[in-house]
C-alpha atoms as a PDB file:
ATOM      1  CA  UNK A   1      15.635  -3.950  13.425  1.00  0.00           C
ATOM      2  CA  UNK A   2      12.210  -2.407  13.861  1.00  0.00           C
ATOM      3  CA  UNK A   3      11.535  -2.771  10.115  1.00  0.00           C
ATOM      4  CA  UNK A   4      12.285  -6.475  10.337  1.00  0.00           C
ATOM      5  CA  UNK A   5       9.804  -6.902  13.168  1.00  0.00           C
ATOM      6  CA  UNK A   6       7.133  -5.006  11.238  1.00  0.00           C
ATOM      7  CA  UNK A   7       7.749  -7.062   8.110  1.00  0.00           C
ATOM      8  CA  UNK A   8       7.766 -10.282  10.126  1.00  0.00           C
ATOM      9  CA  UNK A   9       4.449  -9.309  11.675  1.00  0.00           C
ATOM     10  CA  UNK A  10       2.963  -8.692   8.240  1.00  0.00           C
ATOM     11  CA  UNK A  11       4.359 -11.985   6.922  1.00  0.00           C
ATOM     12  CA  UNK A  12       2.731 -13.847   9.812  1.00  0.00           C
ATOM     13  CA  UNK A  13      -0.598 -12.083   9.207  1.00  0.00           C
ATOM     14  CA  UNK A  14      -0.316 -12.837   5.485  1.00  0.00           C
ATOM     15  CA  UNK A  15       0.256 -16.539   6.145  1.00  0.00           C
ATOM     16  CA  UNK A  16      -2.713 -16.614   8.530  1.00  0.00           C
ATOM     17  CA  UNK A  17      -4.983 -14.889   5.988  1.00  0.00           C
ATOM     18  CA  UNK A  18      -3.835 -17.211   3.203  1.00  0.00           C
ATOM     19  CA  UNK A  19      -4.388 -20.283   5.355  1.00  0.00           C
ATOM     20  CA  UNK A  20      -7.880 -19.078   6.302  1.00  0.00           C
ATOM     21  CA  UNK A  21      -8.673 -18.575   2.628  1.00  0.00           C
ATOM     22  CA  UNK A  22      -7.295 -21.976   1.600  1.00  0.00           C
ATOM     23  CA  UNK A  23      -9.227 -23.728   4.354  1.00  0.00           C
ATOM     24  CA  UNK A  24     -12.491 -21.872   3.760  1.00  0.00           C
ATOM     25  CA  UNK A  25     -12.646 -21.792  -0.054  1.00  0.00           C
ATOM     26  CA  UNK A  26     -13.539 -25.480  -0.523  1.00  0.00           C
ATOM     27  CA  UNK A  27     -16.264 -25.182   2.110  1.00  0.00           C
ATOM     28  CA  UNK A  28     -17.942 -22.118   0.609  1.00  0.00           C
ATOM     29  CA  UNK A  29     -20.631 -22.980  -1.912  1.00  0.00           C
ATOM     30  CA  UNK A  30     -21.022 -20.537  -4.780  1.00  0.00           C
ATOM     31  CA  UNK A  31     -23.753 -22.542  -6.497  1.00  0.00           C
ATOM     32  CA  UNK A  32     -27.454 -22.130  -5.965  1.00  0.00           C
ATOM     33  CA  UNK A  33     -28.174 -18.535  -6.914  1.00  0.00           C
ATOM     34  CA  UNK A  34     -27.887 -15.384  -4.878  1.00  0.00           C
ATOM     35  CA  UNK A  35     -28.909 -16.526  -1.415  1.00  0.00           C
ATOM     36  CA  UNK A  36     -27.654 -14.738   1.683  1.00  0.00           C
ATOM     37  CA  UNK A  37     -25.229 -17.558   2.392  1.00  0.00           C
ATOM     38  CA  UNK A  38     -23.663 -17.228  -1.057  1.00  0.00           C
ATOM     39  CA  UNK A  39     -23.433 -13.443  -0.776  1.00  0.00           C
ATOM     40  CA  UNK A  40     -21.739 -13.816   2.601  1.00  0.00           C
ATOM     41  CA  UNK A  41     -19.255 -16.279   1.082  1.00  0.00           C
ATOM     42  CA  UNK A  42     -18.417 -13.920  -1.772  1.00  0.00           C
ATOM     43  CA  UNK A  43     -17.984 -10.939   0.553  1.00  0.00           C
ATOM     44  CA  UNK A  44     -15.832 -13.010   2.909  1.00  0.00           C
ATOM     45  CA  UNK A  45     -13.537 -14.106   0.066  1.00  0.00           C
ATOM     46  CA  UNK A  46     -13.242 -10.535  -1.246  1.00  0.00           C
ATOM     47  CA  UNK A  47     -12.445  -9.231   2.228  1.00  0.00           C
ATOM     48  CA  UNK A  48      -9.756 -11.873   2.751  1.00  0.00           C
ATOM     49  CA  UNK A  49      -8.234 -11.036  -0.649  1.00  0.00           C
ATOM     50  CA  UNK A  50      -8.193  -7.372   0.356  1.00  0.00           C
ATOM     51  CA  UNK A  51      -6.332  -8.238   3.559  1.00  0.00           C
ATOM     52  CA  UNK A  52      -3.846 -10.394   1.648  1.00  0.00           C
ATOM     53  CA  UNK A  53      -3.270  -7.596  -0.851  1.00  0.00           C
ATOM     54  CA  UNK A  54      -2.687  -5.045   1.894  1.00  0.00           C
ATOM     55  CA  UNK A  55      -0.060  -7.208   3.580  1.00  0.00           C
ATOM     56  CA  UNK A  56       1.661  -7.928   0.267  1.00  0.00           C
ATOM     57  CA  UNK A  57       1.687  -4.190  -0.445  1.00  0.00           C
ATOM     58  CA  UNK A  58       3.515  -3.538   2.821  1.00  0.00           C
ATOM     59  CA  UNK A  59       5.897  -6.509   2.518  1.00  0.00           C
ATOM     60  CA  UNK A  60       6.954  -5.572  -1.014  1.00  0.00           C
ATOM     61  CA  UNK A  61       7.790  -2.063   0.185  1.00  0.00           C
ATOM     62  CA  UNK A  62       5.646  -0.099  -2.222  1.00  0.00           C
ATOM     63  CA  UNK A  63       5.155   2.593   0.424  1.00  0.00           C
ATOM     64  CA  UNK A  64       8.906   3.036   0.845  1.00  0.00           C
ATOM     65  CA  UNK A  65       9.398   3.482  -2.908  1.00  0.00           C
ATOM     66  CA  UNK A  66       6.567   5.984  -3.027  1.00  0.00           C
ATOM     67  CA  UNK A  67       8.051   7.930  -0.090  1.00  0.00           C
ATOM     68  CA  UNK A  68      11.424   8.092  -1.834  1.00  0.00           C
ATOM     69  CA  UNK A  69       9.847   9.318  -5.058  1.00  0.00           C
ATOM     70  CA  UNK A  70       7.827  11.970  -3.230  1.00  0.00           C
ATOM     71  CA  UNK A  71      10.918  13.101  -1.335  1.00  0.00           C
ATOM     72  CA  UNK A  72      12.819  13.479  -4.616  1.00  0.00           C
ATOM     73  CA  UNK A  73       9.981  15.581  -6.053  1.00  0.00           C
ATOM     74  CA  UNK A  74       9.928  17.713  -2.914  1.00  0.00           C
ATOM     75  CA  UNK A  75      13.683  18.329  -3.141  1.00  0.00           C
ATOM     76  CA  UNK A  76      13.403  19.264  -6.833  1.00  0.00           C
ATOM     77  CA  UNK A  77      10.640  21.775  -6.087  1.00  0.00           C
ATOM     78  CA  UNK A  78      12.694  23.236  -3.260  1.00  0.00           C
ATOM     79  CA  UNK A  79      15.636  23.721  -5.636  1.00  0.00           C
ATOM     80  CA  UNK A  80      13.363  25.434  -8.154  1.00  0.00           C
ATOM     81  CA  UNK A  81      12.055  27.835  -5.517  1.00  0.00           C
ATOM     82  CA  UNK A  82      15.597  28.609  -4.396  1.00  0.00           C
ATOM     83  CA  UNK A  83      16.627  29.316  -7.989  1.00  0.00           C
ATOM     84  CA  UNK A  84      13.638  31.659  -8.458  1.00  0.00           C
ATOM     85  CA  UNK A  85      14.538  33.525  -5.273  1.00  0.00           C
ATOM     86  CA  UNK A  86      18.159  33.869  -6.362  1.00  0.00           C
ATOM     87  CA  UNK A  87      17.060  35.135  -9.792  1.00  0.00           C
ATOM     88  CA  UNK A  88      14.732  37.688  -8.206  1.00  0.00           C
ATOM     89  CA  UNK A  89      17.505  38.896  -5.907  1.00  0.00           C
ATOM     90  CA  UNK A  90      19.921  39.242  -8.817  1.00  0.00           C
ATOM     91  CA  UNK A  91      17.336  41.153 -10.861  1.00  0.00           C
ATOM     92  CA  UNK A  92      16.619  43.526  -7.976  1.00  0.00           C
ATOM     93  CA  UNK A  93      20.363  44.176  -7.487  1.00  0.00           C
ATOM     94  CA  UNK A  94      20.926  44.909 -11.167  1.00  0.00           C
ATOM     95  CA  UNK A  95      18.089  47.464 -11.311  1.00  0.00           C
END
């Protein structure tokens, strides 16, 4: 239930960021050289795209997949260490 609320929050923020971008893009002028106004417009668009990308990253669950993969690697390493310890114990008993 908590995951749904977090995802819903990110969906709402994503829609807000997209709507801000759609509303502002036609009003931002990219013509006329590199004036401060144009630089501000470019930076603003890049920042809004960064925000949109961050929310999409969370909504698509890339973090959850990464956590699962890291947990699987951690378990595999733990098994390897256990096997090494068992081998060392068996070698010490046989000597």
